[in-house]
Amino acid sequence: MLSGRRLDLLDPSPLDVEIDDIAHGLSRVARWNGQTRGEWAFSVAQHSLLVERLVGILQPNLTLPQRLYALLHDAPEYVVGDLISPFKAAVGLDYKAFEHRLMAAICLRFGLPPRPTATLARLVKRADLLAAHLEATELAGFEEKEANRYFGRLPQGLPPRADLPLAPLPPGEVKAAFLARWRALSLG
């Protein structure tokens, strides 16, 4: 890692996880394999910021640690990249186990339980699908009907799309925004 840490991918230690490495990597990993509108790719870091915002809209009374988990929900992708779900399934259970071990190390590093509660996991998954729907229609060329089929319909009560962070930004700006949000959630 750029921090100088050496992360053992088969047995990741929380002591080798650094937020700067996560923010740096996620700000450079493209969602949708880079097939989005705009000068810059829409990064996993931006997606993570969007998901954290959406969980706060869906459930305004979440604790800061719960929102921090939402922000970090795709953190393993700083190491493995953003693989699409069908490919993860094709790789098999070993890939998912690997991803879960890495996420557990990340959570422990930042004082979170190694696994979220079932309720929090469902909420983050719901926000993740909403984010995918918004990204698909605003950035990746999906029609609304197609996005509804793959990701479900958007619920009433979401802010206008113009008020959500959907404009692809340069990696340096995204990294700074991700770190700022991490600090706000971590330090309260």
Protein backbone atom coordinates (compact mmCIF):
# COMPACT_ATOMS: atom_id res chain seq x y z
CA MET A 1 0.00 0.00 0.00
CA LEU A 2 1.13 3.60 -0.49
CA SER A 3 1.21 4.02 3.29
CA GLY A 4 3.97 1.41 3.43
CA ARG A 5 1.69 -1.20 4.98
CA ARG A 6 1.85 -4.72 3.64
CA LEU A 7 -1.62 -6.21 3.70
CA ASP A 8 -1.75 -10.01 3.76
CA LEU A 9 -4.70 -10.67 1.48
CA LEU A 10 -5.27 -14.21 2.76
CA ASP A 11 -5.15 -13.20 6.42
CA PRO A 12 -5.73 -9.43 6.61
CA SER A 13 -4.83 -7.75 9.89
CA PRO A 14 -6.69 -4.65 11.09
CA LEU A 15 -3.26 -3.24 11.97
CA ASP A 16 -2.37 -3.09 8.26
CA VAL A 17 -5.48 -1.15 7.22
CA GLU A 18 -5.11 2.61 6.77
CA ILE A 19 -7.92 5.01 5.86
CA ASP A 20 -5.65 6.93 3.48
CA ASP A 21 -5.01 3.74 1.51
CA ILE A 22 -8.74 3.04 1.37
CA ALA A 23 -9.63 6.58 0.28
CA HIS A 24 -6.84 6.67 -2.29
CA GLY A 25 -7.76 3.31 -3.80
CA LEU A 26 -11.53 3.81 -3.82
CA SER A 27 -11.16 7.25 -5.42
CA ARG A 28 -9.41 5.58 -8.36
CA VAL A 29 -11.62 2.50 -8.79
CA ALA A 30 -14.30 3.11 -11.41
CA ARG A 31 -17.89 2.03 -10.96
CA TRP A 32 -19.57 0.55 -14.02
CA ASN A 33 -16.11 -0.38 -15.36
CA GLY A 34 -15.68 3.27 -16.29
CA GLN A 35 -18.63 3.20 -18.69
CA THR A 36 -20.21 6.39 -17.37
CA ARG A 37 -20.85 9.88 -18.66
CA GLY A 38 -18.51 12.68 -17.68
CA GLU A 39 -14.88 13.60 -17.88
CA TRP A 40 -14.02 11.40 -14.90
CA ALA A 41 -15.06 7.91 -13.94
CA PHE A 42 -17.65 7.69 -11.17
CA SER A 43 -15.55 6.12 -8.43
CA VAL A 44 -16.33 3.64 -5.70
CA ALA A 45 -15.47 6.41 -3.22
CA GLN A 46 -18.23 8.59 -4.71
CA HIS A 47 -20.60 5.64 -4.66
CA SER A 48 -19.73 5.07 -0.98
CA LEU A 49 -20.49 8.72 -0.18
CA LEU A 50 -23.82 8.38 -2.00
CA VAL A 51 -24.74 5.18 -0.14
CA GLU A 52 -23.89 6.75 3.22
CA ARG A 53 -26.07 9.75 2.33
CA LEU A 54 -28.94 7.49 1.28
CA VAL A 55 -28.87 5.41 4.49
CA GLY A 56 -29.14 8.69 6.39
CA ILE A 57 -32.19 9.64 4.33
CA LEU A 58 -33.80 6.22 4.70
CA GLN A 59 -33.05 6.00 8.44
CA PRO A 60 -32.26 9.45 9.91
CA ASN A 61 -31.72 8.16 13.46
CA LEU A 62 -28.69 5.97 12.68
CA THR A 63 -25.68 6.23 14.94
CA LEU A 64 -22.37 7.57 13.64
CA PRO A 65 -20.82 4.06 13.71
CA GLN A 66 -23.72 2.72 11.63
CA ARG A 67 -23.24 5.49 9.09
CA LEU A 68 -19.49 4.84 9.13
CA TYR A 69 -20.20 1.21 8.24
CA ALA A 70 -22.32 2.44 5.30
CA LEU A 71 -19.46 4.65 4.12
CA LEU A 72 -17.05 1.72 4.33
CA HIS A 73 -19.44 -0.90 2.88
CA ASP A 74 -17.34 -1.32 -0.29
CA ALA A 75 -13.96 -0.66 1.34
CA PRO A 76 -12.51 -4.07 0.33
CA GLU A 77 -12.60 -2.79 -3.24
CA TYR A 78 -9.58 -0.60 -2.47
CA VAL A 79 -7.64 -3.86 -2.78
CA VAL A 80 -9.68 -6.04 -5.14
CA GLY A 81 -11.40 -3.51 -7.39
CA ASP A 82 -15.10 -3.28 -8.20
CA LEU A 83 -16.21 -6.64 -9.53
CA ILE A 84 -19.75 -6.90 -10.79
CA SER A 85 -22.04 -9.20 -8.80
CA PRO A 86 -22.46 -11.83 -11.55
CA PHE A 87 -18.68 -12.18 -11.77
CA LYS A 88 -18.37 -12.50 -7.97
CA ALA A 89 -20.95 -15.29 -8.11
CA ALA A 90 -19.05 -17.00 -10.94
CA VAL A 91 -15.81 -16.85 -8.94
CA GLY A 92 -17.63 -18.66 -6.15
CA LEU A 93 -17.88 -18.76 -2.38
CA ASP A 94 -14.13 -18.47 -1.83
CA TYR A 95 -14.19 -14.94 -3.28
CA LYS A 96 -17.02 -13.90 -0.97
CA ALA A 97 -15.22 -15.41 2.03
CA PHE A 98 -12.09 -13.49 1.08
CA GLU A 99 -14.09 -10.26 0.78
CA HIS A 100 -15.77 -10.88 4.15
CA ARG A 101 -12.40 -11.45 5.89
CA LEU A 102 -11.05 -8.21 4.47
CA MET A 103 -14.20 -6.29 5.46
CA ALA A 104 -13.99 -7.72 8.99
CA ALA A 105 -10.39 -6.47 9.30
CA ILE A 106 -11.44 -3.03 8.03
CA CYS A 107 -14.34 -2.86 10.48
CA LEU A 108 -12.16 -3.91 13.42
CA ARG A 109 -9.54 -1.33 12.45
CA PHE A 110 -12.11 1.44 12.80
CA GLY A 111 -13.82 0.18 15.95
CA LEU A 112 -16.82 -1.41 14.28
CA PRO A 113 -18.10 -4.94 14.82
CA PRO A 114 -16.60 -7.34 12.27
CA ARG A 115 -20.11 -7.98 10.88
CA PRO A 116 -23.05 -5.59 10.83
CA THR A 117 -26.37 -6.51 12.33
CA ALA A 118 -28.82 -8.05 9.88
CA THR A 119 -30.91 -4.87 10.04
CA LEU A 120 -27.97 -2.62 9.18
CA ALA A 121 -26.81 -4.98 6.42
CA ARG A 122 -30.30 -4.87 4.83
CA LEU A 123 -30.45 -1.08 5.09
CA VAL A 124 -27.03 -0.64 3.48
CA LYS A 125 -27.96 -3.13 0.74
CA ARG A 126 -31.15 -1.18 0.07
CA ALA A 127 -29.21 2.09 -0.15
CA ASP A 128 -26.61 0.35 -2.34
CA LEU A 129 -29.35 -0.70 -4.80
CA LEU A 130 -30.88 2.80 -4.76
CA ALA A 131 -27.45 4.25 -5.50
CA ALA A 132 -26.98 1.74 -8.33
CA HIS A 133 -30.38 2.77 -9.76
CA LEU A 134 -29.46 6.47 -9.66
CA GLU A 135 -26.00 5.84 -11.12
CA ALA A 136 -27.43 3.61 -13.85
CA THR A 137 -29.97 6.18 -15.04
CA GLU A 138 -27.90 9.33 -14.52
CA LEU A 139 -24.47 8.08 -15.55
CA ALA A 140 -24.51 4.69 -17.25
CA GLY A 141 -27.21 5.13 -19.92
CA PHE A 142 -29.95 2.94 -18.45
CA GLU A 143 -33.58 3.75 -19.12
CA GLU A 144 -35.75 4.10 -15.98
CA LYS A 145 -37.69 0.92 -16.82
CA GLU A 146 -34.45 -1.07 -17.16
CA ALA A 147 -33.07 0.30 -13.88
CA ASN A 148 -36.36 -0.55 -12.14
CA ARG A 149 -36.02 -4.15 -13.35
CA TYR A 150 -32.44 -4.58 -12.12
CA PHE A 151 -32.38 -2.44 -8.98
CA GLY A 152 -36.00 -1.86 -7.98
CA ARG A 153 -38.03 1.34 -8.08
CA LEU A 154 -36.88 4.46 -6.29
CA PRO A 155 -39.01 5.21 -3.22
CA GLN A 156 -40.90 8.43 -2.71
CA GLY A 157 -39.22 10.99 -0.49
CA LEU A 158 -35.71 10.96 -1.96
CA PRO A 159 -34.21 14.37 -2.59
CA PRO A 160 -34.12 15.55 -6.20
CA ARG A 161 -31.33 13.90 -8.15
CA ALA A 162 -29.68 17.28 -8.52
CA ASP A 163 -29.18 17.29 -4.72
CA LEU A 164 -27.38 13.95 -4.69
CA PRO A 165 -23.64 13.54 -5.38
CA LEU A 166 -23.82 12.05 -8.87
CA ALA A 167 -21.42 14.21 -10.88
CA PRO A 168 -18.15 12.33 -11.47
CA LEU A 169 -15.24 14.16 -9.83
CA PRO A 170 -11.45 13.96 -10.15
CA PRO A 171 -9.85 11.36 -7.87
CA GLY A 172 -8.13 13.95 -5.66
CA GLU A 173 -11.42 15.74 -4.89
CA VAL A 174 -13.20 12.46 -4.19
CA LYS A 175 -10.41 11.26 -1.92
CA ALA A 176 -10.58 14.51 0.08
CA ALA A 177 -14.39 14.31 0.34
CA PHE A 178 -14.24 10.66 1.44
CA LEU A 179 -11.61 11.42 4.10
CA ALA A 180 -13.58 14.44 5.34
CA ARG A 181 -16.72 12.35 5.71
CA TRP A 182 -14.77 9.54 7.40
CA ARG A 183 -13.37 12.07 9.92
CA ALA A 184 -16.83 13.52 10.60
CA LEU A 185 -18.26 10.07 11.27
CA SER A 186 -15.25 8.72 13.17
CA LEU A 187 -14.58 11.66 15.40
CA GLY A 188 -18.21 12.65 15.87
